[in-house]
Every structure is written in C-alpha cells, then in structure tokens.
Amino acid sequence: MTFSPTISVFGSFFPTWLLLVLLGIIFAVAVRLVCTLTSWHEALPVPVLFYAACAAIFVFSAYLACLA
C-alpha cells in the first residue's frame, strides 16, 4: 500500500498534482472562453493574472478534495 498521492493512468503512476495542474489549465481556458463570449474579458484589468488565479484556485481546491 502506498501513501503517496498518485493516480494510475494506463498502468503508470502519475503524481496527483501533475494531473490536477493539467485540469487547472483546461479549466482556465474554459473560463477564458466564457469570459470572451460574455464580453467580460474587456472589463478585466489584468486578464493574465485573473486566469492564472482561476487555475490556481481550481488546482488547490481539487487537490484538497482528492486528499480528503
């Protein structure tokens, strides 16, 4: 039994945080698409920081949920 946070993908074990970072990037792209379609993108003063913060919040929340 292992106590490290890993996920088996096709028989190979990957760190949980690595997969969650990839999901965070996908989530940030989805948030960008929604903001662009609803014209909220123009109202953001620093869009790069906003999308990075969205990705970070998703990754940290998902990581805590996986460990619980």
N, C-alpha and C. Protein backbone atom coordinates (compact mmCIF):
# COMPACT_ATOMS: atom_id res chain seq x y z
N MET A 1 0.85 -1.18 0.00
CA MET A 1 0.00 0.00 0.00
C MET A 1 0.89 1.24 0.00
N THR A 2 0.54 2.19 -0.84
CA THR A 2 1.32 3.42 -0.94
C THR A 2 0.54 4.59 -0.34
N PHE A 3 1.27 5.50 0.25
CA PHE A 3 0.64 6.66 0.86
C PHE A 3 0.90 7.92 0.05
N SER A 4 1.57 7.80 -1.08
CA SER A 4 1.81 8.97 -1.91
C SER A 4 0.58 9.23 -2.77
N PRO A 5 0.24 10.50 -2.98
CA PRO A 5 -0.94 10.82 -3.80
C PRO A 5 -0.66 10.61 -5.29
N THR A 6 -0.90 9.39 -5.77
CA THR A 6 -0.69 9.08 -7.18
C THR A 6 -1.97 8.50 -7.77
N ILE A 7 -2.06 8.59 -9.09
CA ILE A 7 -3.20 8.05 -9.83
C ILE A 7 -2.64 7.12 -10.90
N SER A 8 -3.24 5.96 -11.02
CA SER A 8 -2.82 5.01 -12.04
C SER A 8 -3.50 5.36 -13.36
N VAL A 9 -2.69 5.68 -14.38
CA VAL A 9 -3.20 6.00 -15.71
C VAL A 9 -2.53 5.03 -16.69
N PHE A 10 -3.32 4.13 -17.24
CA PHE A 10 -2.82 3.12 -18.17
C PHE A 10 -1.68 2.31 -17.56
N GLY A 11 -1.76 2.01 -16.28
CA GLY A 11 -0.76 1.19 -15.62
C GLY A 11 0.46 1.95 -15.13
N SER A 12 0.53 3.23 -15.41
CA SER A 12 1.67 4.04 -14.97
C SER A 12 1.17 5.02 -13.91
N PHE A 13 1.93 5.18 -12.84
CA PHE A 13 1.51 6.04 -11.75
C PHE A 13 2.01 7.46 -11.96
N PHE A 14 1.08 8.42 -11.93
CA PHE A 14 1.39 9.82 -12.07
C PHE A 14 1.06 10.53 -10.77
N PRO A 15 1.85 11.56 -10.42
CA PRO A 15 1.51 12.35 -9.23
C PRO A 15 0.17 13.05 -9.43
N THR A 16 -0.60 13.09 -8.39
CA THR A 16 -1.92 13.72 -8.46
C THR A 16 -1.81 15.19 -8.84
N TRP A 17 -0.82 15.88 -8.30
CA TRP A 17 -0.71 17.31 -8.56
C TRP A 17 -0.45 17.59 -10.03
N LEU A 18 0.27 16.70 -10.71
CA LEU A 18 0.55 16.92 -12.12
C LEU A 18 -0.72 16.84 -12.97
N LEU A 19 -1.55 15.87 -12.69
CA LEU A 19 -2.81 15.76 -13.43
C LEU A 19 -3.76 16.91 -13.09
N LEU A 20 -3.73 17.35 -11.84
CA LEU A 20 -4.60 18.47 -11.45
C LEU A 20 -4.14 19.79 -12.08
N VAL A 21 -2.85 19.96 -12.28
CA VAL A 21 -2.37 21.16 -12.96
C VAL A 21 -2.86 21.18 -14.40
N LEU A 22 -2.82 20.03 -15.06
CA LEU A 22 -3.35 19.96 -16.43
C LEU A 22 -4.85 20.27 -16.46
N LEU A 23 -5.59 19.75 -15.49
CA LEU A 23 -7.01 20.07 -15.41
C LEU A 23 -7.23 21.55 -15.09
N GLY A 24 -6.36 22.14 -14.29
CA GLY A 24 -6.45 23.57 -13.98
C GLY A 24 -6.25 24.44 -15.21
N ILE A 25 -5.33 24.04 -16.08
CA ILE A 25 -5.10 24.77 -17.32
C ILE A 25 -6.33 24.67 -18.21
N ILE A 26 -6.90 23.47 -18.30
CA ILE A 26 -8.12 23.29 -19.10
C ILE A 26 -9.25 24.13 -18.52
N PHE A 27 -9.37 24.17 -17.19
CA PHE A 27 -10.40 24.98 -16.54
C PHE A 27 -10.20 26.47 -16.84
N ALA A 28 -8.95 26.95 -16.80
CA ALA A 28 -8.68 28.35 -17.09
C ALA A 28 -9.02 28.70 -18.53
N VAL A 29 -8.77 27.78 -19.45
CA VAL A 29 -9.13 28.02 -20.86
C VAL A 29 -10.66 28.09 -20.98
N ALA A 30 -11.36 27.23 -20.27
CA ALA A 30 -12.83 27.26 -20.30
C ALA A 30 -13.36 28.58 -19.72
N VAL A 31 -12.76 29.05 -18.65
CA VAL A 31 -13.17 30.33 -18.06
C VAL A 31 -12.90 31.46 -19.05
N ARG A 32 -11.77 31.39 -19.75
CA ARG A 32 -11.47 32.43 -20.75
C ARG A 32 -12.50 32.42 -21.88
N LEU A 33 -12.89 31.24 -22.32
CA LEU A 33 -13.90 31.17 -23.37
C LEU A 33 -15.23 31.76 -22.91
N VAL A 34 -15.62 31.46 -21.69
CA VAL A 34 -16.87 32.01 -21.16
C VAL A 34 -16.77 33.53 -21.04
N CYS A 35 -15.64 34.01 -20.53
CA CYS A 35 -15.46 35.47 -20.39
C CYS A 35 -15.43 36.17 -21.75
N THR A 36 -14.86 35.52 -22.74
CA THR A 36 -14.81 36.11 -24.07
C THR A 36 -16.20 36.14 -24.70
N LEU A 37 -16.95 35.06 -24.54
CA LEU A 37 -18.29 35.00 -25.12
C LEU A 37 -19.26 35.97 -24.46
N THR A 38 -19.08 36.24 -23.18
CA THR A 38 -19.97 37.15 -22.47
C THR A 38 -19.43 38.58 -22.41
N SER A 39 -18.33 38.85 -23.09
CA SER A 39 -17.70 40.18 -23.14
C SER A 39 -17.19 40.67 -21.79
N TRP A 40 -16.91 39.79 -20.88
CA TRP A 40 -16.31 40.18 -19.59
C TRP A 40 -14.81 40.34 -19.73
N HIS A 41 -14.25 39.79 -20.79
CA HIS A 41 -12.80 39.84 -20.98
C HIS A 41 -12.29 41.28 -21.08
N GLU A 42 -13.06 42.14 -21.72
CA GLU A 42 -12.63 43.54 -21.87
C GLU A 42 -12.63 44.29 -20.55
N ALA A 43 -13.45 43.85 -19.59
CA ALA A 43 -13.54 44.55 -18.31
C ALA A 43 -12.44 44.15 -17.33
N LEU A 44 -11.68 43.12 -17.62
CA LEU A 44 -10.63 42.67 -16.71
C LEU A 44 -9.40 43.56 -16.85
N PRO A 45 -8.90 44.12 -15.73
CA PRO A 45 -7.72 44.99 -15.84
C PRO A 45 -6.44 44.23 -16.21
N VAL A 46 -6.25 43.04 -15.61
CA VAL A 46 -5.08 42.22 -15.90
C VAL A 46 -5.58 40.79 -16.14
N PRO A 47 -5.95 40.47 -17.37
CA PRO A 47 -6.56 39.16 -17.63
C PRO A 47 -5.64 37.98 -17.34
N VAL A 48 -4.34 38.15 -17.55
CA VAL A 48 -3.41 37.04 -17.32
C VAL A 48 -3.43 36.62 -15.85
N LEU A 49 -3.43 37.58 -14.97
CA LEU A 49 -3.48 37.26 -13.53
C LEU A 49 -4.81 36.64 -13.14
N PHE A 50 -5.88 37.11 -13.74
CA PHE A 50 -7.20 36.56 -13.44
C PHE A 50 -7.29 35.09 -13.83
N TYR A 51 -6.83 34.75 -15.04
CA TYR A 51 -6.92 33.37 -15.49
C TYR A 51 -5.95 32.46 -14.73
N ALA A 52 -4.79 32.99 -14.38
CA ALA A 52 -3.85 32.21 -13.57
C ALA A 52 -4.42 31.96 -12.17
N ALA A 53 -5.10 32.96 -11.62
CA ALA A 53 -5.72 32.78 -10.31
C ALA A 53 -6.87 31.78 -10.38
N CYS A 54 -7.63 31.80 -11.45
CA CYS A 54 -8.71 30.81 -11.63
C CYS A 54 -8.14 29.40 -11.68
N ALA A 55 -7.06 29.22 -12.41
CA ALA A 55 -6.42 27.91 -12.50
C ALA A 55 -5.89 27.48 -11.14
N ALA A 56 -5.24 28.39 -10.41
CA ALA A 56 -4.68 28.06 -9.11
C ALA A 56 -5.77 27.70 -8.10
N ILE A 57 -6.85 28.46 -8.09
CA ILE A 57 -7.95 28.16 -7.17
C ILE A 57 -8.53 26.78 -7.46
N PHE A 58 -8.70 26.46 -8.75
CA PHE A 58 -9.21 25.14 -9.12
C PHE A 58 -8.25 24.04 -8.69
N VAL A 59 -6.97 24.21 -8.96
CA VAL A 59 -5.98 23.18 -8.63
C VAL A 59 -5.90 22.95 -7.12
N PHE A 60 -5.83 24.01 -6.35
CA PHE A 60 -5.72 23.85 -4.90
C PHE A 60 -6.98 23.25 -4.30
N SER A 61 -8.14 23.66 -4.80
CA SER A 61 -9.40 23.10 -4.30
C SER A 61 -9.53 21.62 -4.66
N ALA A 62 -9.19 21.28 -5.89
CA ALA A 62 -9.28 19.89 -6.32
C ALA A 62 -8.28 19.02 -5.58
N TYR A 63 -7.09 19.54 -5.32
CA TYR A 63 -6.07 18.78 -4.58
C TYR A 63 -6.54 18.50 -3.15
N LEU A 64 -7.13 19.50 -2.52
CA LEU A 64 -7.66 19.28 -1.18
C LEU A 64 -8.81 18.29 -1.19
N ALA A 65 -9.63 18.33 -2.22
CA ALA A 65 -10.72 17.38 -2.33
C ALA A 65 -10.20 15.96 -2.55
N CYS A 66 -9.12 15.82 -3.31
CA CYS A 66 -8.56 14.49 -3.55
C CYS A 66 -7.93 13.90 -2.30
N LEU A 67 -7.37 14.75 -1.46
CA LEU A 67 -6.72 14.25 -0.24
C LEU A 67 -7.71 13.93 0.86
N ALA A 68 -8.91 14.49 0.79
CA ALA A 68 -9.90 14.30 1.84
C ALA A 68 -10.54 12.93 1.78
